[in-house]
């Protein structure tokens, strides 16, 4: 049952990532409204990153506070924000294969998070799934950042990734090991 659920989450995530962005722009309007409300944001794509870790300070502070008691989600959202920041600041001449690699990395982060939420039977799963949208709205919180993200998504080729059972099982086990390592490092290191 859990394997089927994981496969469904992966399929949904992959399908969502390959949708032609110009034909399905409802989410764009939601982000535009949120960006317009954020009048105090640093308008540059780079923003402020005083510790030079690849994560904007405003996003890092939000994640540190929001997930202070949830090291797994904190780690994944920090990774996701670093990946999105790379995406936003890619040079125009970045090869498509590098863009696809970043997109796949982001997809794996989100899929692992969602899989573990379902596997652990998190009670407020709907609220937790909405948190991903809230997180992205904080990362894409200006018109310039949103525009850069949309342009990046438009540059991705339309593809349908075929994941076989072996690849899905490998991703599932990798995600579970990561969860163990983050939430219980003593057990993870004794294996």
N, C-alpha and C. Protein backbone atom coordinates (compact mmCIF):
# COMPACT_ATOMS: atom_id res chain seq x y z
N UNK A 1 0.83 -1.20 0.00
CA UNK A 1 0.00 0.00 0.00
C UNK A 1 0.88 1.26 0.00
N UNK A 2 1.90 1.27 0.88
CA UNK A 2 2.79 2.43 0.96
C UNK A 2 3.54 2.63 -0.35
N UNK A 3 3.94 1.52 -0.98
CA UNK A 3 4.66 1.61 -2.25
C UNK A 3 3.75 2.22 -3.31
N UNK A 4 2.49 1.78 -3.34
CA UNK A 4 1.54 2.33 -4.30
C UNK A 4 1.32 3.81 -4.04
N UNK A 5 1.22 4.20 -2.77
CA UNK A 5 1.05 5.60 -2.42
C UNK A 5 2.26 6.41 -2.88
N UNK A 6 3.46 5.89 -2.64
CA UNK A 6 4.67 6.58 -3.08
C UNK A 6 4.69 6.73 -4.59
N UNK A 7 4.33 5.66 -5.31
CA UNK A 7 4.30 5.72 -6.77
C UNK A 7 3.29 6.76 -7.25
N UNK A 8 2.16 6.86 -6.56
CA UNK A 8 1.15 7.85 -6.91
C UNK A 8 1.67 9.25 -6.69
N UNK A 9 2.33 9.48 -5.55
CA UNK A 9 2.90 10.80 -5.26
C UNK A 9 3.94 11.16 -6.30
N UNK A 10 4.80 10.21 -6.65
CA UNK A 10 5.82 10.49 -7.66
C UNK A 10 5.16 10.80 -8.99
N UNK A 11 4.16 10.01 -9.37
CA UNK A 11 3.48 10.24 -10.64
C UNK A 11 2.83 11.61 -10.69
N UNK A 12 2.17 11.99 -9.61
CA UNK A 12 1.53 13.30 -9.54
C UNK A 12 2.59 14.39 -9.63
N UNK A 13 3.68 14.22 -8.89
CA UNK A 13 4.74 15.23 -8.90
C UNK A 13 5.38 15.36 -10.26
N UNK A 14 5.66 14.22 -10.90
CA UNK A 14 6.26 14.26 -12.24
C UNK A 14 5.29 14.90 -13.22
N UNK A 15 4.02 14.51 -13.14
CA UNK A 15 3.02 15.10 -14.04
C UNK A 15 2.93 16.60 -13.84
N UNK A 16 2.95 17.04 -12.59
CA UNK A 16 2.87 18.47 -12.31
C UNK A 16 4.07 19.22 -12.86
N UNK A 17 5.22 18.57 -12.86
CA UNK A 17 6.43 19.26 -13.33
C UNK A 17 6.51 19.33 -14.84
N UNK A 18 5.74 18.50 -15.54
CA UNK A 18 5.84 18.52 -17.00
C UNK A 18 4.68 19.22 -17.68
N UNK A 19 3.77 19.74 -16.90
CA UNK A 19 2.64 20.46 -17.48
C UNK A 19 3.17 21.71 -18.19
N UNK A 20 2.65 21.95 -19.37
CA UNK A 20 3.06 23.13 -20.12
C UNK A 20 2.60 24.37 -19.36
N UNK A 21 3.56 25.14 -18.91
CA UNK A 21 3.29 26.27 -18.02
C UNK A 21 2.42 27.34 -18.65
N UNK A 22 2.51 27.51 -19.94
CA UNK A 22 1.70 28.54 -20.59
C UNK A 22 0.24 28.17 -20.66
N UNK A 23 -0.08 26.87 -20.67
CA UNK A 23 -1.46 26.42 -20.74
C UNK A 23 -2.10 26.32 -19.37
N UNK A 24 -1.30 26.18 -18.34
CA UNK A 24 -1.82 26.00 -16.99
C UNK A 24 -1.21 27.05 -16.09
N UNK A 25 -1.71 28.27 -16.17
CA UNK A 25 -1.08 29.37 -15.44
C UNK A 25 -1.87 29.82 -14.23
N UNK A 26 -2.78 29.01 -13.71
CA UNK A 26 -3.55 29.40 -12.53
C UNK A 26 -2.66 29.69 -11.34
N UNK A 27 -1.66 28.86 -11.13
CA UNK A 27 -0.76 29.08 -9.98
C UNK A 27 0.01 30.37 -10.14
N UNK A 28 0.28 30.78 -11.37
CA UNK A 28 1.03 32.02 -11.61
C UNK A 28 0.25 33.20 -11.05
N UNK A 29 -1.04 33.22 -11.28
CA UNK A 29 -1.88 34.32 -10.77
C UNK A 29 -1.85 34.37 -9.25
N UNK A 30 -1.90 33.21 -8.60
CA UNK A 30 -1.83 33.17 -7.13
C UNK A 30 -0.52 33.78 -6.63
N UNK A 31 0.58 33.43 -7.27
CA UNK A 31 1.88 33.96 -6.86
C UNK A 31 1.99 35.45 -7.16
N UNK A 32 1.39 35.91 -8.25
CA UNK A 32 1.44 37.33 -8.58
C UNK A 32 0.75 38.15 -7.49
N UNK A 33 -0.37 37.66 -7.02
CA UNK A 33 -1.09 38.36 -5.95
C UNK A 33 -0.23 38.43 -4.69
N UNK A 34 0.38 37.32 -4.33
CA UNK A 34 1.23 37.30 -3.13
C UNK A 34 2.45 38.19 -3.28
N UNK A 35 3.06 38.20 -4.46
CA UNK A 35 4.23 39.05 -4.70
C UNK A 35 3.84 40.52 -4.58
N UNK A 36 2.67 40.89 -5.08
CA UNK A 36 2.22 42.27 -5.03
C UNK A 36 1.98 42.72 -3.58
N UNK A 37 1.61 41.80 -2.73
CA UNK A 37 1.36 42.14 -1.32
C UNK A 37 2.66 42.34 -0.53
N UNK A 38 3.75 41.83 -1.04
CA UNK A 38 5.01 41.85 -0.31
C UNK A 38 5.82 43.09 -0.67
N UNK A 39 5.41 44.25 -0.17
CA UNK A 39 6.06 45.51 -0.55
C UNK A 39 7.39 45.73 0.14
N UNK A 40 7.71 44.97 1.18
CA UNK A 40 8.97 45.17 1.89
C UNK A 40 10.10 44.27 1.40
N UNK A 41 9.85 43.48 0.38
CA UNK A 41 10.87 42.54 -0.10
C UNK A 41 11.98 43.26 -0.84
N UNK A 42 13.19 42.74 -0.66
CA UNK A 42 14.33 43.22 -1.43
C UNK A 42 14.05 42.82 -2.88
N UNK A 43 14.00 43.77 -3.79
CA UNK A 43 13.55 43.53 -5.15
C UNK A 43 14.54 42.77 -6.04
N UNK A 44 15.78 42.65 -5.65
CA UNK A 44 16.71 41.94 -6.52
C UNK A 44 16.44 40.44 -6.43
N UNK A 45 16.74 39.73 -7.47
CA UNK A 45 16.55 38.28 -7.45
C UNK A 45 17.42 37.65 -6.38
N UNK A 46 18.64 38.13 -6.23
CA UNK A 46 19.56 37.55 -5.26
C UNK A 46 19.12 37.78 -3.83
N UNK A 47 18.55 38.94 -3.53
CA UNK A 47 18.19 39.25 -2.16
C UNK A 47 19.42 39.30 -1.27
N UNK A 48 19.21 39.26 0.02
CA UNK A 48 20.32 39.29 0.98
C UNK A 48 20.63 37.88 1.45
N UNK A 49 21.90 37.53 1.40
CA UNK A 49 22.40 36.25 1.88
C UNK A 49 23.69 36.54 2.64
N UNK A 50 23.55 37.05 3.86
CA UNK A 50 24.71 37.53 4.61
C UNK A 50 25.71 36.43 4.99
N UNK A 51 25.24 35.18 5.13
CA UNK A 51 26.17 34.10 5.47
C UNK A 51 26.65 33.33 4.24
N UNK A 52 26.27 33.78 3.06
CA UNK A 52 26.72 33.20 1.78
C UNK A 52 26.52 31.68 1.69
N UNK A 53 25.37 31.19 2.16
CA UNK A 53 25.10 29.75 2.08
C UNK A 53 24.17 29.39 0.92
N UNK A 54 23.85 30.38 0.08
CA UNK A 54 23.01 30.11 -1.08
C UNK A 54 21.53 30.21 -0.81
N UNK A 55 21.18 30.63 0.41
CA UNK A 55 19.77 30.77 0.80
C UNK A 55 19.55 32.20 1.25
N UNK A 56 18.55 32.86 0.68
CA UNK A 56 18.28 34.23 1.10
C UNK A 56 17.96 34.26 2.59
N UNK A 57 18.39 35.32 3.25
CA UNK A 57 18.20 35.44 4.70
C UNK A 57 16.73 35.40 5.10
N UNK A 58 15.86 36.08 4.35
CA UNK A 58 14.45 36.10 4.72
C UNK A 58 13.84 34.70 4.65
N UNK A 59 14.21 33.92 3.66
CA UNK A 59 13.69 32.56 3.52
C UNK A 59 14.28 31.66 4.60
N UNK A 60 15.58 31.78 4.82
CA UNK A 60 16.24 30.96 5.84
C UNK A 60 15.64 31.23 7.22
N UNK A 61 15.42 32.49 7.56
CA UNK A 61 14.82 32.83 8.85
C UNK A 61 13.42 32.23 8.99
N UNK A 62 12.63 32.32 7.91
CA UNK A 62 11.28 31.74 7.93
C UNK A 62 11.35 30.23 8.19
N UNK A 63 12.20 29.53 7.46
CA UNK A 63 12.31 28.07 7.61
C UNK A 63 12.80 27.70 9.01
N UNK A 64 13.82 28.41 9.50
CA UNK A 64 14.37 28.11 10.82
C UNK A 64 13.30 28.25 11.90
N UNK A 65 12.47 29.28 11.80
CA UNK A 65 11.41 29.48 12.80
C UNK A 65 10.25 28.51 12.61
N UNK A 66 9.80 28.37 11.37
CA UNK A 66 8.63 27.53 11.07
C UNK A 66 8.89 26.07 11.41
N UNK A 67 10.07 25.56 11.13
CA UNK A 67 10.36 24.14 11.28
C UNK A 67 11.41 23.85 12.36
N UNK A 68 11.48 24.72 13.36
CA UNK A 68 12.49 24.54 14.41
C UNK A 68 12.33 23.20 15.13
N UNK A 69 11.11 22.68 15.21
CA UNK A 69 10.87 21.41 15.89
C UNK A 69 10.70 20.24 14.91
N UNK A 70 11.00 20.46 13.65
CA UNK A 70 10.85 19.42 12.63
C UNK A 70 12.10 19.42 11.75
N UNK A 71 13.17 18.75 12.22
CA UNK A 71 14.44 18.81 11.50
C UNK A 71 14.37 18.26 10.07
N UNK A 72 13.51 17.30 9.83
CA UNK A 72 13.39 16.73 8.49
C UNK A 72 12.87 17.76 7.50
N UNK A 73 11.73 18.37 7.83
CA UNK A 73 11.18 19.37 6.92
C UNK A 73 12.09 20.59 6.83
N UNK A 74 12.70 20.96 7.94
CA UNK A 74 13.62 22.11 7.92
C UNK A 74 14.74 21.85 6.91
N UNK A 75 15.34 20.68 6.99
CA UNK A 75 16.45 20.35 6.08
C UNK A 75 15.98 20.35 4.62
N UNK A 76 14.83 19.74 4.35
CA UNK A 76 14.36 19.66 2.97
C UNK A 76 13.98 21.03 2.43
N UNK A 77 13.34 21.86 3.22
CA UNK A 77 12.99 23.19 2.74
C UNK A 77 14.22 24.08 2.57
N UNK A 78 15.23 23.90 3.40
CA UNK A 78 16.48 24.63 3.18
C UNK A 78 17.13 24.20 1.88
N UNK A 79 17.13 22.89 1.61
CA UNK A 79 17.66 22.39 0.34
C UNK A 79 16.86 22.92 -0.84
N UNK A 80 15.55 22.90 -0.70
CA UNK A 80 14.68 23.39 -1.78
C UNK A 80 14.92 24.87 -2.04
N UNK A 81 15.07 25.65 -0.98
CA UNK A 81 15.28 27.09 -1.17
C UNK A 81 16.63 27.37 -1.83
N UNK A 82 17.63 26.58 -1.50
CA UNK A 82 18.94 26.73 -2.14
C UNK A 82 18.84 26.37 -3.63
N UNK A 83 18.10 25.32 -3.93
CA UNK A 83 17.92 24.90 -5.31
C UNK A 83 17.14 25.94 -6.10
N UNK A 84 16.08 26.47 -5.52
CA UNK A 84 15.30 27.50 -6.22
C UNK A 84 16.14 28.75 -6.42
N UNK A 85 16.95 29.11 -5.44
CA UNK A 85 17.81 30.29 -5.60
C UNK A 85 18.78 30.10 -6.76
N UNK A 86 19.31 28.88 -6.91
CA UNK A 86 20.17 28.58 -8.07
C UNK A 86 19.38 28.75 -9.36
N UNK A 87 18.16 28.24 -9.35
CA UNK A 87 17.30 28.34 -10.54
C UNK A 87 17.07 29.80 -10.91
N UNK A 88 16.77 30.62 -9.91
CA UNK A 88 16.46 32.03 -10.16
C UNK A 88 17.64 32.81 -10.70
N UNK A 89 18.84 32.38 -10.36
CA UNK A 89 20.03 33.15 -10.74
C UNK A 89 20.84 32.47 -11.85
N UNK A 90 20.24 31.50 -12.53
CA UNK A 90 20.94 30.84 -13.63
C UNK A 90 21.24 31.83 -14.75
N UNK A 91 22.42 31.74 -15.32
CA UNK A 91 22.70 32.56 -16.50
C UNK A 91 21.80 32.13 -17.66
N UNK A 92 21.49 33.05 -18.55
CA UNK A 92 20.60 32.77 -19.68
C UNK A 92 21.09 31.61 -20.54
N UNK A 93 22.40 31.46 -20.66
CA UNK A 93 22.96 30.44 -21.55
C UNK A 93 23.19 29.09 -20.87
N UNK A 94 22.57 28.86 -19.71
CA UNK A 94 22.70 27.58 -19.02
C UNK A 94 22.12 26.47 -19.90
N UNK A 95 22.88 25.39 -20.09
CA UNK A 95 22.37 24.28 -20.90
C UNK A 95 21.08 23.70 -20.32
N UNK A 96 20.20 23.25 -21.20
CA UNK A 96 18.91 22.70 -20.79
C UNK A 96 19.11 21.52 -19.85
N UNK A 97 20.10 20.68 -20.09
CA UNK A 97 20.32 19.51 -19.24
C UNK A 97 20.59 19.93 -17.79
N UNK A 98 21.27 21.06 -17.59
CA UNK A 98 21.52 21.55 -16.23
C UNK A 98 20.23 22.06 -15.59
N UNK A 99 19.38 22.68 -16.39
CA UNK A 99 18.08 23.15 -15.88
C UNK A 99 17.21 21.96 -15.48
N UNK A 100 17.20 20.92 -16.31
CA UNK A 100 16.42 19.73 -16.01
C UNK A 100 16.94 19.06 -14.74
N UNK A 101 18.25 19.03 -14.57
CA UNK A 101 18.85 18.44 -13.37
C UNK A 101 18.38 19.18 -12.11
N UNK A 102 18.37 20.50 -12.15
CA UNK A 102 17.88 21.28 -11.00
C UNK A 102 16.40 21.01 -10.75
N UNK A 103 15.62 20.94 -11.82
CA UNK A 103 14.19 20.67 -11.69
C UNK A 103 13.96 19.29 -11.06
N UNK A 104 14.73 18.31 -11.49
CA UNK A 104 14.62 16.96 -10.92
C UNK A 104 15.02 16.94 -9.45
N UNK A 105 16.06 17.70 -9.11
CA UNK A 105 16.49 17.77 -7.71
C UNK A 105 15.37 18.34 -6.83
N UNK A 106 14.76 19.41 -7.30
CA UNK A 106 13.66 20.03 -6.56
C UNK A 106 12.48 19.07 -6.44
N UNK A 107 12.17 18.39 -7.51
CA UNK A 107 11.07 17.43 -7.50
C UNK A 107 11.33 16.31 -6.49
N UNK A 108 12.57 15.81 -6.42
CA UNK A 108 12.89 14.74 -5.46
C UNK A 108 12.75 15.23 -4.02
N UNK A 109 13.14 16.48 -3.78
CA UNK A 109 13.01 17.03 -2.43
C UNK A 109 11.54 17.06 -2.02
N UNK A 110 10.70 17.62 -2.88
CA UNK A 110 9.27 17.71 -2.57
C UNK A 110 8.62 16.33 -2.47
N UNK A 111 8.98 15.43 -3.36
CA UNK A 111 8.40 14.09 -3.35
C UNK A 111 8.77 13.35 -2.08
N UNK A 112 10.02 13.46 -1.65
CA UNK A 112 10.46 12.80 -0.42
C UNK A 112 9.68 13.35 0.77
N UNK A 113 9.55 14.66 0.84
CA UNK A 113 8.81 15.27 1.94
C UNK A 113 7.37 14.75 1.96
N UNK A 114 6.70 14.80 0.82
CA UNK A 114 5.30 14.38 0.75
C UNK A 114 5.17 12.89 1.08
N UNK A 115 6.08 12.09 0.56
CA UNK A 115 6.04 10.65 0.84
C UNK A 115 6.14 10.39 2.33
N UNK A 116 7.08 11.03 3.01
CA UNK A 116 7.25 10.79 4.45
C UNK A 116 6.04 11.30 5.23
N UNK A 117 5.44 12.39 4.81
CA UNK A 117 4.24 12.87 5.50
C UNK A 117 3.13 11.82 5.42
N UNK A 118 2.96 11.24 4.24
CA UNK A 118 1.94 10.19 4.08
C UNK A 118 2.33 8.92 4.83
N UNK A 119 3.57 8.52 4.72
CA UNK A 119 4.03 7.30 5.39
C UNK A 119 3.85 7.40 6.90
N UNK A 120 4.11 8.57 7.45
CA UNK A 120 4.01 8.76 8.90
C UNK A 120 2.58 9.07 9.36
N UNK A 121 1.66 9.06 8.41
CA UNK A 121 0.25 9.34 8.72
C UNK A 121 0.07 10.65 9.48
N UNK A 122 0.69 11.69 8.98
CA UNK A 122 0.58 13.01 9.61
C UNK A 122 -0.90 13.40 9.63
N UNK A 123 -1.37 13.82 10.81
CA UNK A 123 -2.80 14.10 10.98
C UNK A 123 -3.28 15.30 10.16
N UNK A 124 -2.50 16.34 10.09
CA UNK A 124 -2.91 17.55 9.38
C UNK A 124 -2.27 17.60 7.99
N UNK A 125 -2.41 16.50 7.25
CA UNK A 125 -1.72 16.36 5.97
C UNK A 125 -2.11 17.46 4.98
N UNK A 126 -3.38 17.84 4.93
CA UNK A 126 -3.78 18.90 4.00
C UNK A 126 -3.08 20.20 4.32
N UNK A 127 -2.99 20.53 5.59
CA UNK A 127 -2.30 21.74 6.01
C UNK A 127 -0.82 21.65 5.64
N UNK A 128 -0.24 20.50 5.87
CA UNK A 128 1.18 20.30 5.56
C UNK A 128 1.45 20.44 4.06
N UNK A 129 0.55 19.92 3.24
CA UNK A 129 0.72 20.03 1.79
C UNK A 129 0.58 21.48 1.33
N UNK A 130 -0.27 22.24 1.98
CA UNK A 130 -0.40 23.67 1.65
C UNK A 130 0.85 24.45 2.02
N UNK A 131 1.59 23.95 3.01
CA UNK A 131 2.82 24.62 3.43
C UNK A 131 3.82 24.74 2.29
N UNK A 132 3.79 23.80 1.36
CA UNK A 132 4.71 23.85 0.22
C UNK A 132 4.39 25.08 -0.64
N UNK A 133 3.11 25.37 -0.82
CA UNK A 133 2.70 26.56 -1.57
C UNK A 133 3.14 27.82 -0.82
N UNK A 134 2.93 27.84 0.48
CA UNK A 134 3.32 29.00 1.28
C UNK A 134 4.83 29.20 1.21
N UNK A 135 5.58 28.11 1.30
CA UNK A 135 7.03 28.18 1.18
C UNK A 135 7.43 28.79 -0.17
N UNK A 136 6.86 28.27 -1.26
CA UNK A 136 7.21 28.78 -2.59
C UNK A 136 6.82 30.25 -2.73
N UNK A 137 5.72 30.65 -2.10
CA UNK A 137 5.33 32.06 -2.19
C UNK A 137 6.32 32.96 -1.46
N UNK A 138 6.98 32.44 -0.45
CA UNK A 138 8.02 33.21 0.25
C UNK A 138 9.29 33.29 -0.57
N UNK A 139 9.59 32.23 -1.31
CA UNK A 139 10.80 32.22 -2.14
C UNK A 139 10.59 33.08 -3.40
N UNK A 140 9.40 33.01 -3.97
CA UNK A 140 9.08 33.75 -5.20
C UNK A 140 8.27 35.00 -4.85
N UNK A 141 8.74 35.77 -3.90
CA UNK A 141 7.95 36.84 -3.30
C UNK A 141 8.05 38.20 -3.96
N UNK A 142 8.67 38.28 -5.13
CA UNK A 142 8.67 39.53 -5.88
C UNK A 142 8.34 39.23 -7.34
N UNK A 143 7.91 40.24 -8.05
CA UNK A 143 7.59 40.03 -9.47
C UNK A 143 8.81 39.56 -10.25
N UNK A 144 9.99 40.09 -9.92
CA UNK A 144 11.20 39.72 -10.63
C UNK A 144 11.56 38.25 -10.38
N UNK A 145 11.44 37.80 -9.15
CA UNK A 145 11.73 36.40 -8.83
C UNK A 145 10.72 35.47 -9.49
N UNK A 146 9.46 35.84 -9.43
CA UNK A 146 8.43 35.03 -10.06
C UNK A 146 8.65 34.96 -11.57
N UNK A 147 8.96 36.07 -12.18
CA UNK A 147 9.21 36.11 -13.63
C UNK A 147 10.41 35.21 -14.00
N UNK A 148 11.47 35.26 -13.20
CA UNK A 148 12.64 34.42 -13.46
C UNK A 148 12.27 32.93 -13.36
N UNK A 149 11.44 32.59 -12.39
CA UNK A 149 11.04 31.20 -12.22
C UNK A 149 10.16 30.73 -13.38
N UNK A 150 9.26 31.58 -13.81
CA UNK A 150 8.39 31.24 -14.94
C UNK A 150 9.22 31.04 -16.21
N UNK A 151 10.17 31.92 -16.44
CA UNK A 151 11.03 31.79 -17.63
C UNK A 151 11.84 30.50 -17.58
N UNK A 152 12.32 30.16 -16.41
CA UNK A 152 13.05 28.90 -16.23
C UNK A 152 12.14 27.72 -16.57
N UNK A 153 10.92 27.71 -16.02
CA UNK A 153 9.99 26.60 -16.27
C UNK A 153 9.64 26.50 -17.75
N UNK A 154 9.49 27.64 -18.42
CA UNK A 154 9.18 27.64 -19.85
C UNK A 154 10.32 27.03 -20.66
N UNK A 155 11.54 27.17 -20.19
CA UNK A 155 12.70 26.67 -20.93
C UNK A 155 12.89 25.16 -20.78
N UNK A 156 12.17 24.56 -19.85
CA UNK A 156 12.30 23.12 -19.66
C UNK A 156 11.58 22.38 -20.78
N UNK A 157 12.17 21.30 -21.26
CA UNK A 157 11.50 20.54 -22.31
C UNK A 157 10.31 19.78 -21.75
N UNK A 158 9.36 19.53 -22.61
CA UNK A 158 8.21 18.71 -22.21
C UNK A 158 8.66 17.27 -22.30
N UNK A 159 8.63 16.58 -21.19
CA UNK A 159 9.04 15.19 -21.20
C UNK A 159 8.16 14.40 -20.25
N UNK A 160 8.14 13.13 -20.47
CA UNK A 160 7.40 12.25 -19.58
C UNK A 160 8.38 11.24 -19.04
N UNK A 161 8.73 11.41 -17.80
CA UNK A 161 9.71 10.53 -17.18
C UNK A 161 9.06 9.20 -16.84
N UNK A 162 9.66 8.16 -17.29
CA UNK A 162 9.17 6.81 -16.99
C UNK A 162 9.99 6.26 -15.83
N UNK A 163 9.35 6.12 -14.70
CA UNK A 163 10.03 5.58 -13.53
C UNK A 163 9.62 4.12 -13.36
N UNK A 164 10.58 3.23 -13.38
CA UNK A 164 10.26 1.82 -13.18
C UNK A 164 10.24 1.52 -11.68
N UNK A 165 9.82 0.30 -11.35
CA UNK A 165 9.71 -0.09 -9.94
C UNK A 165 11.05 -0.03 -9.22
N UNK A 166 12.12 -0.37 -9.91
CA UNK A 166 13.46 -0.35 -9.29
C UNK A 166 13.85 1.08 -8.92
N UNK A 167 13.63 2.02 -9.84
CA UNK A 167 13.96 3.43 -9.57
C UNK A 167 13.10 3.98 -8.44
N UNK A 168 11.81 3.64 -8.45
CA UNK A 168 10.92 4.10 -7.39
C UNK A 168 11.33 3.55 -6.03
N UNK A 169 11.67 2.28 -6.01
CA UNK A 169 12.10 1.66 -4.76
C UNK A 169 13.39 2.28 -4.26
N UNK A 170 14.32 2.57 -5.16
CA UNK A 170 15.59 3.21 -4.79
C UNK A 170 15.32 4.60 -4.20
N UNK A 171 14.45 5.38 -4.84
CA UNK A 171 14.11 6.71 -4.33
C UNK A 171 13.42 6.62 -2.97
N UNK A 172 12.53 5.65 -2.83
CA UNK A 172 11.80 5.48 -1.56
C UNK A 172 12.78 5.15 -0.43
N UNK A 173 13.67 4.20 -0.68
CA UNK A 173 14.65 3.82 0.35
C UNK A 173 15.61 4.95 0.67
N UNK A 174 16.01 5.68 -0.34
CA UNK A 174 16.89 6.83 -0.13
C UNK A 174 16.20 7.88 0.75
N UNK A 175 14.94 8.11 0.48
CA UNK A 175 14.17 9.07 1.27
C UNK A 175 14.04 8.60 2.72
N UNK A 176 13.73 7.34 2.91
CA UNK A 176 13.59 6.81 4.26
C UNK A 176 14.91 6.86 5.03
N UNK A 177 16.02 6.57 4.35
CA UNK A 177 17.33 6.66 5.01
C UNK A 177 17.64 8.11 5.41
N UNK A 178 17.32 9.04 4.52
CA UNK A 178 17.53 10.46 4.83
C UNK A 178 16.71 10.85 6.04
N UNK A 179 15.46 10.42 6.09
CA UNK A 179 14.59 10.73 7.22
C UNK A 179 15.21 10.17 8.51
N UNK A 180 15.66 8.92 8.48
CA UNK A 180 16.29 8.31 9.66
C UNK A 180 17.54 9.08 10.07
N UNK A 181 18.35 9.44 9.11
CA UNK A 181 19.60 10.15 9.39
C UNK A 181 19.33 11.50 10.06
N UNK A 182 18.31 12.19 9.60
CA UNK A 182 18.01 13.52 10.13
C UNK A 182 17.29 13.44 11.48
N UNK A 183 16.34 12.54 11.59
CA UNK A 183 15.51 12.51 12.81
C UNK A 183 16.11 11.66 13.92
N UNK A 184 16.96 10.71 13.56
CA UNK A 184 17.55 9.85 14.57
C UNK A 184 18.97 9.49 14.15
N UNK A 185 19.89 10.43 14.24
CA UNK A 185 21.26 10.18 13.75
C UNK A 185 21.99 9.05 14.45
N UNK A 186 21.64 8.75 15.71
CA UNK A 186 22.30 7.65 16.43
C UNK A 186 21.97 6.30 15.82
N UNK A 187 20.70 6.07 15.50
CA UNK A 187 20.30 4.82 14.87
C UNK A 187 20.87 4.73 13.47
N UNK A 188 20.79 5.82 12.72
CA UNK A 188 21.28 5.83 11.34
C UNK A 188 22.78 5.54 11.27
N UNK A 189 23.55 6.06 12.21
CA UNK A 189 25.00 5.86 12.17
C UNK A 189 25.41 4.48 12.66
N UNK A 190 24.55 3.79 13.41
CA UNK A 190 24.90 2.46 13.91
C UNK A 190 24.65 1.37 12.88
N UNK A 191 24.01 1.71 11.78
CA UNK A 191 23.72 0.69 10.75
C UNK A 191 24.88 0.48 9.85
